[in-house]
Protein backbone atom coordinates (compact mmCIF):
# COMPACT_ATOMS: atom_id res chain seq x y z
CA MET A 1 81.95 73.41 84.67
CA THR A 2 82.22 70.08 86.49
CA SER A 3 81.89 69.86 90.25
CA ASN A 4 85.47 68.77 90.80
CA THR A 5 86.88 71.75 88.94
CA ARG A 6 89.29 73.62 91.24
CA VAL A 7 88.47 77.34 91.45
CA VAL A 8 90.97 79.43 93.45
CA VAL A 9 90.26 83.03 94.28
CA ILE A 10 93.09 85.33 95.45
CA GLY A 11 91.65 88.10 97.63
CA ALA A 12 89.07 88.06 100.41
CA GLY A 13 87.56 91.52 99.90
CA LEU A 14 84.06 92.35 98.77
CA ALA A 15 84.54 90.90 95.26
CA GLY A 16 86.33 87.73 96.26
CA VAL A 17 83.87 86.89 99.11
CA ARG A 18 80.84 87.57 96.99
CA LEU A 19 82.23 85.34 94.25
CA ALA A 20 83.05 82.51 96.69
CA ARG A 21 79.66 82.69 98.31
CA ARG A 22 77.77 82.70 94.98
CA LEU A 23 79.82 79.72 93.70
CA GLY A 24 79.04 77.88 96.86
CA GLU A 25 75.35 78.56 96.40
CA LEU A 26 75.59 77.32 92.81
CA GLY A 27 77.36 74.12 93.83
CA THR A 28 80.84 74.93 92.61
CA PRO A 29 83.64 74.39 95.21
CA VAL A 30 86.07 77.24 95.61
CA THR A 31 89.23 78.02 97.68
CA LEU A 32 89.45 81.65 98.80
CA ILE A 33 92.90 82.95 99.80
CA GLY A 34 93.08 86.05 101.98
CA GLU A 35 96.25 87.61 103.33
CA GLU A 36 94.76 89.68 106.14
CA GLU A 37 94.55 88.03 109.57
CA HIS A 38 91.17 89.64 110.22
CA ARG A 39 87.86 88.12 109.11
CA PRO A 40 86.87 89.42 105.70
CA TYR A 41 85.18 92.78 106.05
CA ASN A 42 83.32 95.51 104.16
CA ARG A 43 86.06 98.02 103.38
CA VAL A 44 83.48 100.68 102.54
CA LEU A 45 82.54 100.92 106.23
CA LEU A 46 86.02 101.37 107.68
CA ALA A 47 85.33 105.07 108.30
CA GLU A 48 82.45 104.10 110.54
CA VAL A 49 84.75 101.89 112.55
CA LEU A 50 87.23 104.70 112.90
CA ALA A 51 84.45 107.07 114.01
CA GLY A 52 83.56 104.61 116.76
CA ARG A 53 80.04 103.93 115.34
CA TYR A 54 80.70 100.35 114.45
CA SER A 55 82.88 97.63 115.87
CA PRO A 56 85.01 95.53 113.43
CA ASP A 57 82.66 92.57 113.92
CA VAL A 58 79.72 94.65 112.60
CA ILE A 59 81.34 95.12 109.21
CA ALA A 60 82.60 91.51 108.90
CA LEU A 61 81.48 89.60 105.79
CA PRO A 62 80.05 86.08 105.95
CA ALA A 63 83.10 84.29 104.65
CA PRO A 64 82.87 80.78 103.06
CA ALA A 65 84.24 77.81 104.99
CA GLU A 66 87.10 77.27 102.57
CA LEU A 67 89.19 80.27 103.47
CA THR A 68 92.98 79.95 103.40
CA ARG A 69 95.01 82.62 105.17
CA GLY A 70 98.27 83.43 103.46
CA ARG A 71 100.13 85.71 101.15
CA VAL A 72 100.45 84.58 97.52
CA THR A 73 103.96 85.18 96.21
CA GLY A 74 103.66 83.87 92.69
CA ILE A 75 101.58 82.27 90.01
CA ASP A 76 102.84 79.37 87.95
CA ARG A 77 100.63 79.33 84.85
CA GLU A 78 102.34 76.31 83.32
CA VAL A 79 101.46 73.89 86.09
CA ARG A 80 98.46 76.00 87.13
CA ALA A 81 99.34 76.61 90.80
CA VAL A 82 99.82 79.54 93.18
CA HIS A 83 102.71 79.71 95.62
CA LEU A 84 102.29 81.03 99.10
CA ALA A 85 104.81 82.75 101.38
CA ASP A 86 104.90 79.73 103.73
CA GLY A 87 106.21 77.52 100.88
CA SER A 88 102.99 75.71 100.16
CA LYS A 89 101.19 75.76 96.85
CA ILE A 90 97.56 75.42 95.68
CA ALA A 91 96.64 73.92 92.32
CA TYR A 92 93.87 75.47 90.23
CA ASP A 93 91.92 74.84 87.11
CA THR A 94 90.56 78.35 87.10
CA LEU A 95 92.25 81.20 88.94
CA VAL A 96 90.49 84.41 89.87
CA LEU A 97 92.44 87.52 90.80
CA ALA A 98 90.47 89.71 93.24
CA THR A 99 93.54 91.37 94.70
CA GLY A 100 91.98 94.82 95.07
CA SER A 101 94.16 97.93 95.31
CA ASN A 102 96.89 99.54 97.37
CA PRO A 103 96.85 103.02 98.94
CA VAL A 104 98.90 105.59 97.12
CA LEU A 105 101.93 107.09 98.84
CA PRO A 106 102.67 110.61 97.55
CA PRO A 107 106.35 111.53 97.03
CA LEU A 108 106.56 113.84 100.08
CA ARG A 109 110.13 114.78 101.18
CA GLY A 110 110.87 112.91 104.30
CA LEU A 111 108.27 110.22 103.90
CA PHE A 112 110.33 107.84 101.77
CA ARG A 113 113.41 108.60 103.80
CA GLU A 114 111.66 107.86 107.09
CA ALA A 115 110.02 104.81 105.59
CA TYR A 116 113.40 103.49 104.47
CA LEU A 117 114.90 104.15 107.90
CA ALA A 118 111.95 102.44 109.55
CA SER A 119 112.41 99.45 107.34
CA ALA A 120 116.13 99.35 108.05
CA ARG A 121 115.40 99.43 111.82
CA ARG A 122 113.15 96.44 111.34
CA GLY A 123 115.67 94.62 109.16
CA GLU A 124 113.38 94.85 106.15
CA GLN A 125 113.90 95.95 102.54
CA PRO A 126 111.31 98.52 101.54
CA THR A 127 109.53 97.93 98.27
CA GLY A 128 107.10 99.76 96.07
CA SER A 129 105.28 99.61 92.77
CA SER A 130 104.75 102.22 90.10
CA GLY A 131 101.45 104.04 90.34
CA ARG A 132 99.36 106.82 88.84
CA GLU A 133 98.32 110.21 90.02
CA SER A 134 95.14 110.14 92.01
CA GLY A 135 94.14 113.75 91.58
CA ASP A 136 93.56 114.23 95.35
CA CYS A 137 97.24 114.58 96.23
CA PRO A 138 100.61 115.43 94.63
CA PRO A 139 101.57 113.04 91.85
CA GLU A 140 102.77 109.75 93.42
CA ARG A 141 105.57 107.44 92.51
CA HIS A 142 104.85 104.45 94.61
CA SER A 143 102.20 102.60 96.54
CA THR A 144 102.88 102.25 100.17
CA PRO A 145 105.99 100.10 100.72
CA ASP A 146 104.28 97.33 102.70
CA HIS A 147 102.81 100.03 104.92
CA VAL A 148 106.25 100.75 106.47
CA LEU A 149 105.61 104.34 107.44
CA PRO A 150 106.98 106.70 110.11
CA GLU A 151 105.26 106.47 113.51
CA GLY A 152 102.11 108.53 113.37
CA VAL A 153 101.72 108.40 109.53
CA HIS A 154 98.94 106.11 108.43
CA ALA A 155 97.39 104.97 105.19
CA PHE A 156 93.64 104.31 105.37
CA ARG A 157 92.88 101.20 103.38
CA THR A 158 92.86 98.10 105.62
CA MET A 159 91.50 97.02 108.98
CA ASP A 160 94.96 97.20 110.39
CA ASP A 161 95.23 100.83 109.18
CA CYS A 162 91.90 101.55 110.80
CA LEU A 163 92.76 99.96 114.11
CA GLY A 164 96.13 101.70 114.19
CA LEU A 165 94.40 105.02 113.74
CA SER A 166 91.77 104.20 116.29
CA LYS A 167 94.44 103.38 118.83
CA ALA A 168 96.35 106.60 118.15
CA VAL A 169 93.45 109.05 118.07
CA ARG A 170 92.30 110.75 121.23
CA PRO A 171 90.67 114.07 122.10
CA GLY A 172 92.92 117.00 121.20
CA VAL A 173 95.35 115.06 119.06
CA ARG A 174 96.53 117.06 116.06
CA ALA A 175 95.70 115.20 112.86
CA VAL A 176 96.41 116.18 109.26
CA VAL A 177 94.54 114.36 106.47
CA ILE A 178 96.26 114.66 103.08
CA GLY A 179 93.69 114.29 100.26
CA GLY A 180 90.15 115.68 99.94
CA GLY A 181 88.48 112.99 97.96
CA LEU A 182 85.79 110.59 99.23
CA LEU A 183 88.27 108.74 101.45
CA GLY A 184 89.82 111.89 102.91
CA VAL A 185 86.50 113.46 103.67
CA SER A 186 85.37 110.28 105.43
CA ALA A 187 88.61 109.98 107.44
CA ALA A 188 88.59 113.70 108.47
CA ARG A 189 84.99 113.50 109.69
CA ALA A 190 85.65 110.22 111.64
CA LEU A 191 88.72 111.69 113.34
CA ALA A 192 86.81 114.90 114.21
CA LEU A 193 83.97 112.85 115.77
CA ARG A 194 86.69 111.20 117.93
CA GLY A 195 87.75 114.59 119.24
CA ALA A 196 90.85 115.16 117.19
CA GLN A 197 91.89 118.59 115.90
CA VAL A 198 91.73 117.86 112.22
CA VAL A 199 93.21 119.76 109.27
CA LEU A 200 92.25 118.52 105.80
CA ALA A 201 94.77 119.48 103.02
CA GLN A 202 93.48 119.15 99.43
CA GLN A 203 95.61 120.00 96.46
CA SER A 204 92.66 120.70 94.13
CA GLU A 205 90.35 123.74 94.36
CA ARG A 206 87.49 121.87 95.99
CA LEU A 207 86.59 118.74 97.90
CA MET A 208 85.56 115.56 96.06
CA GLU A 209 85.87 117.32 92.76
CA ARG A 210 85.66 114.10 90.80
CA GLN A 211 82.16 113.36 92.02
CA LEU A 212 80.64 116.70 93.01
CA ASP A 213 79.96 120.06 91.39
CA PRO A 214 81.12 123.31 93.13
CA ALA A 215 77.78 123.82 95.01
CA ALA A 216 77.78 120.30 96.43
CA SER A 217 81.51 120.54 97.36
CA LYS A 218 80.73 123.69 99.22
CA LEU A 219 78.14 121.88 101.33
CA VAL A 220 80.57 119.13 102.11
CA ARG A 221 83.14 121.70 103.20
CA ARG A 222 80.56 123.43 105.41
CA HIS A 223 79.63 120.13 107.02
CA LEU A 224 83.27 119.42 107.88
CA THR A 225 83.83 122.97 109.13
CA ASP A 226 80.78 122.67 111.44
CA LEU A 227 82.45 119.59 112.97
CA GLY A 228 85.61 121.63 113.60
CA VAL A 229 87.68 120.42 110.65
CA GLU A 230 90.02 123.09 109.24
CA VAL A 231 89.90 122.70 105.44
CA HIS A 232 92.62 123.94 103.11
CA THR A 233 92.09 123.67 99.37
CA GLU A 234 94.58 124.43 96.59
CA CYS A 235 97.12 123.51 99.17
CA ARG A 236 100.01 121.22 98.26
CA VAL A 237 101.89 119.33 100.95
CA ARG A 238 105.61 118.92 100.24
CA ASP A 239 107.21 117.50 103.37
CA VAL A 240 106.53 115.30 106.39
CA ARG A 241 108.85 116.25 109.24
CA CYS A 242 109.83 113.52 111.69
CA VAL A 243 111.86 113.43 114.85
CA GLY A 244 113.23 110.08 116.07
CA GLY A 245 111.18 108.27 113.46
CA ALA A 246 107.86 109.93 114.55
CA VAL A 247 105.94 112.61 112.67
CA ARG A 248 105.99 116.10 114.18
CA SER A 249 104.72 118.42 111.40
CA VAL A 250 103.60 118.74 107.82
CA GLU A 251 105.08 121.42 105.64
CA MET A 252 103.10 123.03 102.80
CA HIS A 253 104.55 124.18 99.46
CA ASP A 254 104.51 127.79 100.60
CA GLY A 255 106.60 126.92 103.64
CA TYR A 256 103.74 127.06 106.17
CA ALA A 257 104.00 124.21 108.69
CA LEU A 258 101.20 122.37 110.50
CA ASP A 259 101.95 120.66 113.76
CA ALA A 260 100.91 117.03 113.54
CA ASP A 261 100.70 114.05 115.84
CA LEU A 262 98.87 112.00 113.14
CA VAL A 263 99.04 112.14 109.38
CA VAL A 264 96.47 110.24 107.25
CA LEU A 265 97.32 109.58 103.57
CA ALA A 266 94.05 109.58 101.70
CA CYS A 267 95.51 110.04 98.22
CA GLY A 268 93.60 107.39 96.30
CA VAL A 269 94.42 103.85 95.35
CA HIS A 270 96.25 101.93 92.70
CA PRO A 271 95.22 98.51 91.37
CA ARG A 272 97.26 95.60 92.83
CA VAL A 273 98.68 94.10 89.65
CA GLY A 274 102.08 92.89 90.75
CA LEU A 275 101.17 89.15 90.70
CA ALA A 276 99.59 89.49 87.30
CA GLN A 277 102.57 91.36 85.91
CA THR A 278 105.05 88.89 87.24
CA ALA A 279 102.96 86.05 85.80
CA GLY A 280 103.11 87.66 82.37
CA LEU A 281 99.45 88.59 82.09
CA GLU A 282 98.50 91.70 80.08
CA VAL A 283 98.29 94.72 82.35
CA ARG A 284 97.77 98.40 81.73
CA LYS A 285 96.34 100.43 84.58
CA GLY A 286 94.63 97.21 85.75
CA VAL A 287 94.59 93.58 84.69
CA LEU A 288 92.89 93.59 81.24
CA VAL A 289 89.71 91.49 81.10
CA ASP A 290 87.00 90.85 78.48
CA ASP A 291 83.24 90.53 78.91
CA GLU A 292 83.74 87.14 80.47
CA LEU A 293 86.23 88.56 82.93
CA ARG A 294 88.98 86.60 81.22
CA THR A 295 92.56 87.86 81.30
CA SER A 296 95.09 87.28 78.53
CA ASP A 297 95.24 83.69 79.93
CA PRO A 298 91.74 82.11 79.63
CA ARG A 299 92.43 80.08 82.74
CA VAL A 300 92.80 83.27 84.76
CA ARG A 301 90.03 85.74 85.50
CA ALA A 302 90.06 89.08 87.33
CA ILE A 303 87.40 91.11 89.14
CA GLY A 304 87.12 94.15 91.40
CA ASP A 305 89.60 96.94 91.85
CA CYS A 306 92.45 95.13 90.14
CA ALA A 307 90.53 94.55 86.89
CA GLN A 308 90.32 96.82 83.88
CA HIS A 309 87.28 96.28 81.63
CA ASP A 310 86.76 98.11 78.40
CA GLY A 311 89.34 100.76 79.43
CA THR A 312 87.88 101.35 82.91
CA VAL A 313 89.13 100.50 86.37
CA TYR A 314 86.14 101.24 88.52
CA GLY A 315 87.53 101.02 92.04
CA LEU A 316 83.99 101.01 93.51
CA ALA A 317 81.97 98.37 95.40
CA THR A 318 78.97 98.07 93.01
CA PRO A 319 80.98 97.18 89.91
CA ALA A 320 83.08 94.75 91.91
CA LEU A 321 79.95 92.98 93.13
CA GLU A 322 78.36 92.91 89.70
CA GLN A 323 81.52 91.33 88.22
CA ALA A 324 81.51 88.73 90.94
CA GLU A 325 77.84 87.84 90.17
CA VAL A 326 78.54 87.50 86.41
CA LEU A 327 81.69 85.42 86.97
CA ALA A 328 79.94 83.09 89.36
CA GLU A 329 77.30 82.36 86.72
CA LEU A 330 79.95 81.78 84.07
CA LEU A 331 82.01 79.46 86.26
CA ALA A 332 78.86 77.58 87.29
CA GLY A 333 78.04 76.77 83.69
CA ARG A 334 75.90 79.65 82.38
CA ALA A 335 77.79 80.25 79.12
CA ASP A 336 75.76 83.33 77.98
CA ALA A 337 76.52 85.46 81.09
CA ARG A 338 78.43 88.61 80.20
CA TYR A 339 79.76 91.72 82.02
CA THR A 340 79.14 94.75 79.93
CA GLY A 341 80.03 97.53 82.40
CA THR A 342 78.46 99.22 85.38
CA ARG A 343 76.69 102.60 85.68
CA SER A 344 77.02 103.16 89.39
CA LEU A 345 76.54 106.13 91.62
CA THR A 346 78.86 107.34 94.37
CA ARG A 347 77.09 107.51 97.74
CA LEU A 348 78.48 108.67 101.08
CA THR A 349 76.31 108.27 104.17
CA LEU A 350 77.83 109.52 107.36
CA ALA A 351 75.50 108.70 110.24
CA GLY A 352 75.64 109.70 113.87
CA GLU A 353 76.38 113.29 115.07
CA GLY A 354 75.98 115.76 112.20
CA PHE A 355 74.33 113.22 109.87
CA PHE A 356 75.39 113.73 106.31
CA ASP A 357 74.27 112.09 103.08
CA LEU A 358 75.17 112.59 99.49
CA ALA A 359 75.00 110.87 96.17
CA ALA A 360 76.45 111.66 92.76
CA PHE A 361 76.14 109.87 89.37
CA GLY A 362 77.00 110.50 85.75
CA GLU A 363 77.94 113.84 84.41
CA THR A 364 77.38 116.49 87.10
CA GLU A 365 78.60 119.38 84.94
CA PRO A 366 76.37 120.31 81.98
CA ARG A 367 77.43 120.83 78.38
CA PRO A 368 76.08 123.68 76.20
CA GLY A 369 72.40 122.96 75.38
CA ASP A 370 71.78 120.67 78.38
CA ASP A 371 68.86 121.26 80.69
CA VAL A 372 69.72 121.74 84.35
CA VAL A 373 67.33 121.73 87.33
CA GLN A 374 68.60 122.70 90.76
CA LEU A 375 66.92 123.05 94.17
CA ALA A 376 68.87 124.36 97.11
CA ASP A 377 67.98 125.08 100.76
CA ALA A 378 70.88 126.86 102.47
CA THR A 379 69.22 126.71 105.87
CA ARG A 380 68.76 122.95 105.83
CA GLY A 381 71.96 122.37 103.89
CA THR A 382 70.31 120.44 101.11
CA TYR A 383 71.02 120.56 97.40
CA ARG A 384 69.65 118.67 94.40
CA LYS A 385 70.68 118.98 90.76
CA VAL A 386 70.08 116.94 87.63
CA VAL A 387 71.49 117.31 84.10
CA VAL A 388 69.23 116.30 81.18
CA ARG A 389 70.42 115.89 77.57
CA ASP A 390 68.25 115.05 74.67
CA ASP A 391 65.34 114.09 77.08
CA ARG A 392 67.63 111.69 78.98
CA LEU A 393 69.00 112.08 82.49
CA VAL A 394 72.82 112.04 82.17
CA GLY A 395 73.88 112.96 85.70
CA GLY A 396 72.96 114.36 89.08
CA VAL A 397 74.16 115.25 92.52
CA LEU A 398 72.18 115.31 95.75
CA VAL A 399 73.29 116.46 99.20
CA GLY A 400 71.13 116.18 102.36
CA GLU A 401 67.74 114.64 101.78
CA LEU A 402 68.01 111.83 99.30
CA GLY A 403 64.43 110.71 98.96
CA THR A 404 64.59 110.95 95.14
CA VAL A 405 67.91 109.20 94.67
CA GLY A 406 66.46 105.74 93.89
CA ALA A 407 64.14 107.05 91.21
CA LEU A 408 66.82 109.27 89.70
CA ALA A 409 69.36 106.45 89.64
CA ARG A 410 66.96 104.14 87.88
CA ALA A 411 66.18 106.76 85.23
CA TRP A 412 69.88 107.32 84.69
CA GLU A 413 70.82 103.68 84.56
CA GLY A 414 68.04 102.83 82.15
CA ALA A 415 69.00 105.74 79.85
CA GLU A 416 65.40 105.84 78.66
CA PRO A 417 63.66 109.02 77.42
CA LEU A 418 62.07 110.94 80.30
CA PRO A 419 58.35 111.29 80.28
CA ASP A 420 57.12 114.52 78.68
CA ASP A 421 53.94 114.86 80.85
CA GLY A 422 55.52 117.12 83.44
CA PRO A 423 58.17 119.70 84.20
CA LEU A 424 61.78 118.66 84.84
CA LEU A 425 61.32 119.91 88.36
CA HIS A 426 59.27 116.77 88.99
CA LEU A 427 62.48 114.77 88.86
CA LEU A 428 63.62 116.35 92.07
CA THR A 429 60.29 116.49 93.95
CA ASN A 430 58.52 113.28 93.18
CA ASP A 431 59.12 112.04 96.73
CA GLY A 432 57.17 114.95 98.16
CA GLY A 433 60.37 116.43 99.59
CA SER A 434 61.52 119.97 99.61
């Protein structure tokens, strides 16, 4: 790629910033467009900001100098230009979509009504986009309509969401978190550490069911309970009750009502594919890309939460960063670079009071014939488990002391046969831990 090739990246999250920085290091100029007014930041650490452990500056990303602030409203593929809300346009030779994802808004009675009324009061027209069920909450119909929500109801996806919650939370405030996945657990814990009276409502039978097995989920629940969080599983929320445009309570399916000053929607995310769809690119759950991160238009690439590669939308930081690294090499002229997928683990480290650490990777539930090794210490609240199939590590979950996680992750990612010179128990104790 020649040095005067115009590369434009839409989205200043982890993927977009990493790509822009790597291209800069490799001598390829790039224009990065970000719609948030804040400095680019590490979204993974928003819960630590909400908990009061970090300031927003601490999680800021080192952004490249060529950062344009604005909202992209359209892509003209014929003339190869993007249009911004202020009427300006930016030409490109290669366009990269790193638009991320939107928080899911579940179809709770009262929520859409209040959102519509709030929009009307502000003279706005609420909008939404079709989504998919997240598994953590009731099936959803829309992503948040430009975050126009009743007073006291918050999504938890952006820095503005985080700062809004931080401003509203205070000791004794009654907060209901809807959704018991990774994001809901992080939000509930952060609010509890700020002194809120927190209730966590999860539709499924256990917390973080996508990543954890029942034993690990039980430890997560115990950790939250020890912090004062009231956890309800197999509990479906059906209504958000508002008075004068402000939330007052949350009603469950069985009619039980929870008083609420704050409601946090932690119901998963949906890839932001609106620009791609309008531009006529091929989209399924995410924007379809090949091993060179090309969309159906070879002049347009996609990375991060908005991209769907080989049937998978990852929605995690590690794959997004790996995609950015591969694409930087491709755009800088390394023709043989390819993205072939990511085997990444989920890790949640909650520092400070009541320190909590967990990691999960691969298949945490065994199939018939698999070997399983488990170590549990109820007193210390630690738990380790690995699943081995045909002499290969296929999954594991660790809660508490994670001294072995690096070695386990490498064995899993490499998919190599395990050494036969020792018992499987060695997999969980080779750090000298419990």
